[in-house]
N, C-alpha and C. Protein backbone atom coordinates (compact mmCIF):
# COMPACT_ATOMS: atom_id res chain seq x y z
N MET A 1 120.53 56.16 67.71
CA MET A 1 120.03 56.46 69.04
C MET A 1 118.55 56.08 69.11
N THR A 2 118.19 55.36 70.15
CA THR A 2 116.82 54.92 70.32
C THR A 2 115.98 56.05 70.92
N LYS A 3 114.80 56.22 70.38
CA LYS A 3 113.88 57.24 70.86
C LYS A 3 113.33 56.82 72.22
N LEU A 4 113.36 57.72 73.18
CA LEU A 4 112.82 57.45 74.51
C LEU A 4 111.31 57.26 74.40
N LEU A 5 110.80 56.17 74.95
CA LEU A 5 109.37 55.88 74.85
C LEU A 5 108.59 56.62 75.92
N LYS A 6 107.68 57.47 75.46
CA LYS A 6 106.73 58.17 76.32
C LYS A 6 105.37 57.96 75.67
N VAL A 7 104.73 56.87 76.07
CA VAL A 7 103.51 56.42 75.42
C VAL A 7 102.30 56.89 76.20
N GLY A 8 101.42 57.60 75.51
CA GLY A 8 100.16 58.04 76.10
C GLY A 8 99.01 57.27 75.48
N ILE A 9 98.10 56.81 76.31
CA ILE A 9 96.93 56.09 75.83
C ILE A 9 95.72 56.98 76.06
N VAL A 10 94.98 57.24 74.98
CA VAL A 10 93.82 58.13 75.05
C VAL A 10 92.54 57.36 74.74
N GLY A 11 91.44 57.89 75.25
CA GLY A 11 90.13 57.30 75.00
C GLY A 11 89.21 57.64 76.15
N ALA A 12 87.94 57.46 75.92
CA ALA A 12 86.93 57.73 76.94
C ALA A 12 87.10 56.77 78.12
N GLN A 13 86.35 57.06 79.18
CA GLN A 13 86.42 56.19 80.36
C GLN A 13 85.89 54.80 80.05
N ARG A 14 86.52 53.81 80.69
CA ARG A 14 86.07 52.42 80.66
C ARG A 14 86.22 51.75 79.29
N VAL A 15 87.25 52.15 78.51
CA VAL A 15 87.49 51.48 77.22
C VAL A 15 88.67 50.52 77.29
N GLY A 16 89.40 50.52 78.41
CA GLY A 16 90.52 49.58 78.56
C GLY A 16 91.90 50.22 78.56
N LYS A 17 91.98 51.53 78.81
CA LYS A 17 93.28 52.20 78.81
C LYS A 17 94.20 51.66 79.90
N SER A 18 93.69 51.54 81.10
CA SER A 18 94.53 51.07 82.21
C SER A 18 94.97 49.63 82.01
N THR A 19 94.11 48.80 81.50
CA THR A 19 94.46 47.41 81.24
C THR A 19 95.59 47.33 80.23
N LEU A 20 95.46 48.08 79.15
CA LEU A 20 96.51 48.09 78.13
C LEU A 20 97.80 48.68 78.68
N ALA A 21 97.70 49.78 79.42
CA ALA A 21 98.89 50.44 79.97
C ALA A 21 99.64 49.51 80.92
N THR A 22 98.92 48.80 81.76
CA THR A 22 99.55 47.88 82.71
C THR A 22 100.34 46.81 81.97
N GLU A 23 99.76 46.23 80.95
CA GLU A 23 100.42 45.18 80.18
C GLU A 23 101.64 45.73 79.43
N LEU A 24 101.48 46.88 78.77
CA LEU A 24 102.60 47.47 78.03
C LEU A 24 103.74 47.86 78.97
N SER A 25 103.39 48.36 80.13
CA SER A 25 104.40 48.74 81.12
C SER A 25 105.26 47.54 81.52
N THR A 26 104.61 46.41 81.69
CA THR A 26 105.33 45.18 82.04
C THR A 26 106.20 44.71 80.88
N ILE A 27 105.62 44.64 79.70
CA ILE A 27 106.34 44.14 78.53
C ILE A 27 107.54 45.03 78.19
N LEU A 28 107.34 46.34 78.24
CA LEU A 28 108.38 47.28 77.84
C LEU A 28 109.27 47.72 79.01
N ASN A 29 108.95 47.23 80.21
CA ASN A 29 109.71 47.56 81.40
C ASN A 29 109.82 49.08 81.60
N LEU A 30 108.66 49.72 81.53
CA LEU A 30 108.58 51.17 81.72
C LEU A 30 107.64 51.50 82.87
N PRO A 31 107.88 52.62 83.56
CA PRO A 31 106.96 53.03 84.62
C PRO A 31 105.56 53.28 84.05
N HIS A 32 104.55 52.95 84.85
CA HIS A 32 103.14 53.13 84.47
C HIS A 32 102.58 54.31 85.25
N ILE A 33 102.18 55.34 84.54
CA ILE A 33 101.50 56.46 85.18
C ILE A 33 100.01 56.13 85.16
N THR A 34 99.47 55.89 86.35
CA THR A 34 98.06 55.51 86.45
C THR A 34 97.17 56.73 86.42
N GLU A 35 95.90 56.49 86.19
CA GLU A 35 94.92 57.57 86.04
C GLU A 35 94.91 58.49 87.25
N ILE A 36 95.38 59.70 87.06
CA ILE A 36 95.50 60.69 88.12
C ILE A 36 94.13 61.06 88.71
N ALA A 37 93.11 61.11 87.87
CA ALA A 37 91.78 61.55 88.30
C ALA A 37 91.22 60.72 89.44
N ARG A 38 91.66 59.48 89.57
CA ARG A 38 91.13 58.61 90.62
C ARG A 38 91.49 59.10 92.02
N LYS A 39 92.43 60.03 92.12
CA LYS A 39 92.79 60.61 93.42
C LYS A 39 91.79 61.67 93.86
N TYR A 40 90.88 62.05 92.98
CA TYR A 40 89.98 63.17 93.25
C TYR A 40 88.52 62.75 93.17
N ASN A 41 87.67 63.54 93.83
CA ASN A 41 86.22 63.35 93.71
C ASN A 41 85.74 64.23 92.57
N VAL A 42 85.71 63.65 91.37
CA VAL A 42 85.32 64.43 90.19
C VAL A 42 83.81 64.51 90.01
N ASN A 43 83.06 63.86 90.86
CA ASN A 43 81.60 63.84 90.74
C ASN A 43 80.95 64.97 91.52
N THR A 44 81.42 66.16 91.31
CA THR A 44 80.84 67.32 91.96
C THR A 44 79.97 68.09 90.96
N THR A 45 78.95 68.73 91.47
CA THR A 45 78.09 69.54 90.61
C THR A 45 78.45 71.02 90.69
N ASP A 46 79.35 71.36 91.58
CA ASP A 46 79.81 72.73 91.73
C ASP A 46 80.85 73.02 90.65
N ARG A 47 80.55 73.95 89.75
CA ARG A 47 81.45 74.23 88.62
C ARG A 47 82.82 74.72 89.05
N ARG A 48 82.86 75.57 90.05
CA ARG A 48 84.15 76.10 90.51
C ARG A 48 85.00 74.97 91.10
N GLU A 49 84.37 74.12 91.88
CA GLU A 49 85.09 72.98 92.46
C GLU A 49 85.57 72.05 91.34
N TYR A 50 84.72 71.81 90.34
CA TYR A 50 85.10 70.96 89.21
C TYR A 50 86.30 71.56 88.48
N TYR A 51 86.26 72.87 88.25
CA TYR A 51 87.38 73.56 87.61
C TYR A 51 88.67 73.35 88.40
N ASP A 52 88.60 73.56 89.71
CA ASP A 52 89.79 73.41 90.55
C ASP A 52 90.32 71.98 90.52
N ILE A 53 89.42 71.01 90.56
CA ILE A 53 89.82 69.60 90.51
C ILE A 53 90.51 69.30 89.19
N GLN A 54 89.92 69.76 88.09
CA GLN A 54 90.51 69.50 86.77
C GLN A 54 91.87 70.18 86.64
N GLN A 55 92.01 71.36 87.22
CA GLN A 55 93.32 72.04 87.21
C GLN A 55 94.35 71.18 87.94
N ASN A 56 93.96 70.65 89.10
CA ASN A 56 94.88 69.82 89.88
C ASN A 56 95.22 68.52 89.15
N ILE A 57 94.26 67.95 88.47
CA ILE A 57 94.53 66.73 87.71
C ILE A 57 95.57 67.01 86.62
N LEU A 58 95.42 68.12 85.91
CA LEU A 58 96.38 68.48 84.87
C LEU A 58 97.77 68.72 85.47
N ILE A 59 97.83 69.44 86.55
CA ILE A 59 99.12 69.71 87.22
C ILE A 59 99.77 68.41 87.65
N ASP A 60 98.99 67.51 88.24
CA ASP A 60 99.53 66.22 88.69
C ASP A 60 99.97 65.34 87.52
N GLN A 61 99.21 65.38 86.41
CA GLN A 61 99.58 64.60 85.22
C GLN A 61 100.92 65.09 84.68
N LEU A 62 101.06 66.41 84.56
CA LEU A 62 102.32 66.97 84.07
C LEU A 62 103.49 66.62 84.99
N ALA A 63 103.26 66.68 86.30
CA ALA A 63 104.31 66.35 87.27
C ALA A 63 104.71 64.88 87.18
N ALA A 64 103.73 64.00 87.02
CA ALA A 64 104.02 62.56 86.91
C ALA A 64 104.84 62.29 85.65
N GLU A 65 104.49 62.95 84.57
CA GLU A 65 105.25 62.76 83.32
C GLU A 65 106.66 63.31 83.45
N ARG A 66 106.81 64.47 84.07
CA ARG A 66 108.14 65.05 84.28
C ARG A 66 109.01 64.15 85.16
N ALA A 67 108.40 63.48 86.13
CA ALA A 67 109.14 62.60 87.03
C ALA A 67 109.77 61.42 86.28
N HIS A 68 109.20 61.07 85.13
CA HIS A 68 109.71 59.96 84.33
C HIS A 68 110.29 60.45 83.00
N ASN A 69 110.64 61.71 82.95
CA ASN A 69 111.11 62.33 81.71
C ASN A 69 112.37 61.68 81.16
N LEU A 70 113.22 61.16 82.02
CA LEU A 70 114.48 60.57 81.58
C LEU A 70 114.39 59.05 81.39
N THR A 71 113.34 58.44 81.90
CA THR A 71 113.22 56.98 81.80
C THR A 71 112.17 56.55 80.77
N GLY A 72 111.26 57.46 80.45
CA GLY A 72 110.12 57.09 79.62
C GLY A 72 109.00 56.58 80.50
N PHE A 73 107.84 56.34 79.89
CA PHE A 73 106.68 55.90 80.67
C PHE A 73 105.58 55.41 79.75
N ILE A 74 104.60 54.75 80.36
CA ILE A 74 103.34 54.42 79.73
C ILE A 74 102.28 55.10 80.60
N SER A 75 101.45 55.95 80.02
CA SER A 75 100.43 56.64 80.79
C SER A 75 99.05 56.27 80.28
N ASP A 76 98.18 55.88 81.22
CA ASP A 76 96.84 55.47 80.80
C ASP A 76 95.87 56.65 80.69
N ARG A 77 96.39 57.82 80.68
CA ARG A 77 95.69 59.05 80.33
C ARG A 77 96.74 60.00 79.79
N THR A 78 96.30 61.01 79.05
CA THR A 78 97.22 62.06 78.59
C THR A 78 96.60 63.41 78.92
N THR A 79 97.34 64.45 78.63
CA THR A 79 96.79 65.78 78.86
C THR A 79 95.65 66.09 77.87
N ILE A 80 95.58 65.35 76.78
CA ILE A 80 94.45 65.49 75.85
C ILE A 80 93.17 64.99 76.53
N ASP A 81 93.25 63.84 77.20
CA ASP A 81 92.10 63.34 77.95
C ASP A 81 91.68 64.36 79.00
N ASN A 82 92.69 64.88 79.74
CA ASN A 82 92.40 65.88 80.76
C ASN A 82 91.63 67.06 80.17
N CYS A 83 92.07 67.51 79.02
CA CYS A 83 91.44 68.67 78.36
C CYS A 83 90.01 68.35 77.96
N ALA A 84 89.76 67.15 77.47
CA ALA A 84 88.40 66.77 77.07
C ALA A 84 87.45 66.82 78.26
N TYR A 85 87.86 66.30 79.39
CA TYR A 85 87.01 66.32 80.58
C TYR A 85 86.81 67.75 81.08
N PHE A 86 87.86 68.55 80.99
CA PHE A 86 87.75 69.95 81.42
C PHE A 86 86.75 70.69 80.54
N ILE A 87 86.89 70.57 79.23
CA ILE A 87 85.99 71.24 78.29
C ILE A 87 84.55 70.80 78.52
N ASN A 88 84.35 69.52 78.72
CA ASN A 88 83.01 68.98 78.87
C ASN A 88 82.28 69.51 80.10
N GLY A 89 82.98 69.63 81.22
CA GLY A 89 82.26 69.91 82.45
C GLY A 89 82.52 71.20 83.18
N ALA A 90 83.54 71.92 82.78
CA ALA A 90 83.93 73.07 83.58
C ALA A 90 82.99 74.26 83.44
N GLY A 91 82.43 74.46 82.27
CA GLY A 91 81.61 75.66 82.06
C GLY A 91 82.39 76.92 82.37
N SER A 92 83.65 76.91 82.03
CA SER A 92 84.56 77.99 82.42
C SER A 92 84.44 79.21 81.53
N LYS A 93 85.06 80.25 82.00
CA LYS A 93 85.20 81.44 81.19
C LYS A 93 86.14 81.11 80.04
N VAL A 94 86.04 81.86 78.95
CA VAL A 94 86.85 81.59 77.77
C VAL A 94 88.33 81.62 78.11
N TYR A 95 88.76 82.55 78.92
CA TYR A 95 90.17 82.64 79.29
C TYR A 95 90.63 81.36 79.96
N GLU A 96 89.87 80.86 80.94
CA GLU A 96 90.24 79.64 81.65
C GLU A 96 90.29 78.45 80.69
N LEU A 97 89.33 78.39 79.81
CA LEU A 97 89.26 77.31 78.84
C LEU A 97 90.47 77.33 77.90
N LEU A 98 90.78 78.50 77.37
CA LEU A 98 91.90 78.61 76.44
C LEU A 98 93.24 78.35 77.14
N LYS A 99 93.38 78.81 78.37
CA LYS A 99 94.62 78.56 79.12
C LYS A 99 94.81 77.06 79.34
N TYR A 100 93.77 76.38 79.76
CA TYR A 100 93.84 74.93 79.99
C TYR A 100 94.15 74.22 78.67
N PHE A 101 93.45 74.62 77.62
CA PHE A 101 93.64 74.03 76.30
C PHE A 101 95.10 74.20 75.86
N TYR A 102 95.64 75.38 76.03
CA TYR A 102 97.01 75.66 75.62
C TYR A 102 98.00 74.76 76.34
N ILE A 103 97.89 74.66 77.65
CA ILE A 103 98.82 73.85 78.43
C ILE A 103 98.68 72.38 78.07
N ALA A 104 97.45 71.90 78.02
CA ALA A 104 97.21 70.48 77.76
C ALA A 104 97.63 70.07 76.36
N THR A 105 97.32 70.89 75.38
CA THR A 105 97.63 70.50 74.00
C THR A 105 99.10 70.73 73.65
N ARG A 106 99.72 71.70 74.26
CA ARG A 106 101.15 71.92 74.02
C ARG A 106 101.97 70.72 74.52
N ASN A 107 101.51 70.12 75.59
CA ASN A 107 102.21 68.98 76.17
C ASN A 107 102.14 67.74 75.28
N ILE A 108 101.18 67.66 74.40
CA ILE A 108 100.99 66.46 73.58
C ILE A 108 102.25 66.13 72.76
N GLN A 109 103.02 67.14 72.42
CA GLN A 109 104.23 66.90 71.63
C GLN A 109 105.31 66.15 72.42
N ASN A 110 105.17 66.06 73.73
CA ASN A 110 106.16 65.37 74.55
C ASN A 110 106.02 63.85 74.51
N TYR A 111 104.91 63.35 74.00
CA TYR A 111 104.72 61.90 73.91
C TYR A 111 105.41 61.40 72.64
N SER A 112 106.03 60.24 72.73
CA SER A 112 106.64 59.65 71.53
C SER A 112 105.58 58.89 70.72
N HIS A 113 104.57 58.36 71.40
CA HIS A 113 103.51 57.59 70.76
C HIS A 113 102.18 57.84 71.46
N ILE A 114 101.14 57.99 70.66
CA ILE A 114 99.79 58.11 71.20
C ILE A 114 98.97 56.95 70.66
N LEU A 115 98.37 56.21 71.59
CA LEU A 115 97.49 55.10 71.24
C LEU A 115 96.06 55.50 71.60
N TYR A 116 95.16 55.37 70.66
CA TYR A 116 93.75 55.70 70.89
C TYR A 116 92.95 54.40 70.97
N ILE A 117 92.13 54.29 72.00
CA ILE A 117 91.24 53.13 72.14
C ILE A 117 89.80 53.62 71.95
N PRO A 118 89.13 53.14 70.90
CA PRO A 118 87.74 53.53 70.66
C PRO A 118 86.78 52.78 71.59
N ILE A 119 85.56 53.25 71.62
CA ILE A 119 84.50 52.55 72.37
C ILE A 119 84.11 51.32 71.57
N GLU A 120 84.27 50.15 72.17
CA GLU A 120 83.93 48.91 71.48
C GLU A 120 82.99 48.01 72.30
N PHE A 121 82.97 48.20 73.60
CA PHE A 121 82.23 47.30 74.47
C PHE A 121 81.33 48.10 75.41
N ASN A 122 80.35 47.43 76.00
CA ASN A 122 79.50 48.07 77.00
C ASN A 122 80.32 48.43 78.23
N ILE A 123 79.91 49.48 78.90
CA ILE A 123 80.61 49.96 80.10
C ILE A 123 80.43 48.96 81.23
N VAL A 124 81.53 48.60 81.87
CA VAL A 124 81.50 47.77 83.07
C VAL A 124 81.73 48.71 84.25
N PRO A 125 80.76 48.83 85.17
CA PRO A 125 80.91 49.76 86.29
C PRO A 125 82.13 49.44 87.16
N ASP A 126 82.81 50.51 87.60
CA ASP A 126 83.96 50.33 88.49
C ASP A 126 83.80 51.14 89.78
N GLY A 127 82.66 51.80 89.95
CA GLY A 127 82.43 52.59 91.15
C GLY A 127 83.06 53.97 91.10
N PHE A 128 83.73 54.29 90.01
CA PHE A 128 84.37 55.60 89.89
C PHE A 128 83.88 56.34 88.65
N ALA A 129 84.11 55.77 87.49
CA ALA A 129 83.78 56.43 86.22
C ALA A 129 82.28 56.35 85.94
N SER A 130 81.82 57.31 85.18
CA SER A 130 80.42 57.34 84.78
C SER A 130 80.07 56.09 83.97
N THR A 131 78.84 55.63 84.14
CA THR A 131 78.36 54.49 83.35
C THR A 131 77.38 54.94 82.28
N ASP A 132 77.29 56.23 82.06
CA ASP A 132 76.39 56.80 81.06
C ASP A 132 77.03 56.68 79.67
N PRO A 133 76.45 55.88 78.77
CA PRO A 133 77.07 55.71 77.45
C PRO A 133 77.06 56.98 76.61
N ILE A 134 76.09 57.87 76.82
CA ILE A 134 76.06 59.14 76.09
C ILE A 134 77.24 60.01 76.51
N TYR A 135 77.51 60.05 77.81
CA TYR A 135 78.65 60.80 78.33
C TYR A 135 79.95 60.20 77.76
N GLN A 136 80.05 58.89 77.73
CA GLN A 136 81.24 58.23 77.19
C GLN A 136 81.47 58.63 75.73
N ILE A 137 80.41 58.65 74.94
CA ILE A 137 80.52 59.04 73.53
C ILE A 137 80.93 60.51 73.41
N LYS A 138 80.38 61.36 74.26
CA LYS A 138 80.71 62.79 74.24
C LYS A 138 82.20 63.00 74.52
N ILE A 139 82.73 62.31 75.52
CA ILE A 139 84.16 62.42 75.85
C ILE A 139 85.00 61.88 74.70
N ASP A 140 84.60 60.75 74.15
CA ASP A 140 85.32 60.17 73.02
C ASP A 140 85.37 61.15 71.85
N ASP A 141 84.26 61.78 71.55
CA ASP A 141 84.22 62.77 70.46
C ASP A 141 85.15 63.95 70.75
N LEU A 142 85.17 64.42 71.99
CA LEU A 142 86.06 65.53 72.35
C LEU A 142 87.53 65.13 72.20
N ILE A 143 87.86 63.93 72.61
CA ILE A 143 89.25 63.47 72.51
C ILE A 143 89.67 63.41 71.04
N ILE A 144 88.83 62.84 70.20
CA ILE A 144 89.15 62.78 68.77
C ILE A 144 89.29 64.19 68.20
N ASP A 145 88.36 65.08 68.54
CA ASP A 145 88.44 66.47 68.06
C ASP A 145 89.75 67.12 68.48
N LEU A 146 90.16 66.92 69.73
CA LEU A 146 91.41 67.52 70.21
C LEU A 146 92.63 66.94 69.50
N LEU A 147 92.61 65.65 69.24
CA LEU A 147 93.72 65.04 68.49
C LEU A 147 93.79 65.61 67.08
N LEU A 148 92.64 65.79 66.46
CA LEU A 148 92.61 66.33 65.09
C LEU A 148 92.99 67.81 65.06
N ILE A 149 92.48 68.59 66.00
CA ILE A 149 92.80 70.02 66.06
C ILE A 149 94.30 70.24 66.23
N THR A 150 94.92 69.41 67.07
CA THR A 150 96.34 69.56 67.35
C THR A 150 97.21 68.82 66.33
N GLU A 151 96.56 68.19 65.36
CA GLU A 151 97.26 67.43 64.32
C GLU A 151 98.22 66.41 64.94
N THR A 152 97.74 65.76 65.98
CA THR A 152 98.53 64.76 66.69
C THR A 152 98.46 63.43 65.97
N GLU A 153 99.62 62.85 65.71
CA GLU A 153 99.66 61.51 65.12
C GLU A 153 99.28 60.51 66.20
N PHE A 154 98.34 59.64 65.89
CA PHE A 154 97.96 58.61 66.84
C PHE A 154 97.63 57.34 66.08
N TYR A 155 97.63 56.24 66.82
CA TYR A 155 97.31 54.96 66.22
C TYR A 155 96.15 54.35 67.01
N THR A 156 95.15 53.86 66.31
CA THR A 156 93.99 53.25 66.94
C THR A 156 94.26 51.77 67.17
N VAL A 157 94.09 51.34 68.42
CA VAL A 157 94.17 49.91 68.73
C VAL A 157 92.77 49.43 69.08
N SER A 158 92.39 48.29 68.54
CA SER A 158 91.04 47.79 68.77
C SER A 158 91.03 46.27 68.80
N GLY A 159 89.89 45.73 69.15
CA GLY A 159 89.74 44.28 69.19
C GLY A 159 89.88 43.74 70.60
N THR A 160 90.26 42.48 70.67
CA THR A 160 90.44 41.83 71.97
C THR A 160 91.66 42.42 72.67
N HIS A 161 91.81 42.06 73.93
CA HIS A 161 92.96 42.54 74.71
C HIS A 161 94.28 42.15 74.04
N SER A 162 94.40 40.91 73.63
CA SER A 162 95.66 40.48 73.00
C SER A 162 95.88 41.15 71.64
N GLU A 163 94.81 41.41 70.90
CA GLU A 163 94.94 42.13 69.62
C GLU A 163 95.40 43.56 69.86
N ARG A 164 94.87 44.19 70.90
CA ARG A 164 95.28 45.56 71.22
C ARG A 164 96.76 45.61 71.60
N ILE A 165 97.20 44.67 72.40
CA ILE A 165 98.61 44.63 72.81
C ILE A 165 99.50 44.44 71.58
N ASP A 166 99.13 43.50 70.73
CA ASP A 166 99.91 43.24 69.52
C ASP A 166 99.98 44.49 68.63
N GLN A 167 98.86 45.14 68.41
CA GLN A 167 98.83 46.35 67.58
C GLN A 167 99.67 47.46 68.20
N ALA A 168 99.53 47.64 69.52
CA ALA A 168 100.28 48.69 70.21
C ALA A 168 101.78 48.45 70.11
N LEU A 169 102.21 47.23 70.35
CA LEU A 169 103.64 46.93 70.29
C LEU A 169 104.19 47.10 68.88
N ARG A 170 103.43 46.70 67.89
CA ARG A 170 103.88 46.86 66.50
C ARG A 170 104.00 48.35 66.17
N PHE A 171 103.07 49.18 66.63
CA PHE A 171 103.14 50.62 66.39
C PHE A 171 104.35 51.23 67.10
N ILE A 172 104.53 50.88 68.36
CA ILE A 172 105.64 51.42 69.15
C ILE A 172 106.98 51.01 68.54
N ARG A 173 107.06 49.81 68.04
CA ARG A 173 108.31 49.31 67.45
C ARG A 173 108.52 49.78 66.01
N GLY A 174 107.55 50.53 65.48
CA GLY A 174 107.69 51.07 64.13
C GLY A 174 107.40 50.06 63.03
N GLU A 175 106.66 49.02 63.35
CA GLU A 175 106.38 47.97 62.38
C GLU A 175 105.10 48.24 61.57
N LEU A 176 104.41 49.29 61.90
CA LEU A 176 103.17 49.64 61.18
C LEU A 176 103.35 50.91 60.37
């Protein structure tokens, strides 16, 4: 029996997750769950509003994954990414933080494969994501910490776009 592919791509903003997910979705003929956060104005300075937005992003991410539960999917974000952004900016009470952490990290077991993309190139502005390289490094560190804390198996893809695709496909096919 073939394992249903539910591939999550993790990494900080502007490292190439969407580009890789789009290509893998086409090659593997799987639905592509695009970055949910783009539906929201995450650039708020109000902590309560930020908390509510991050809650909605997590809820929407889980719903999008459930919608493709029987077909599989390629997602250019995971609930681990969601958790990293929540931890970084919410300034929440411990209860809220732990509740979010629990939901986001428990869901990580639902992915069949996790691909991590490290920071390799300078940020190219897209009008949405932060262009602050310090912020990018902070999010990257949080994502790695969350993967390690949850003992999540992941594979790092790096290099050019074609090298990343080749590495990802070899990992997904069990050739690595």
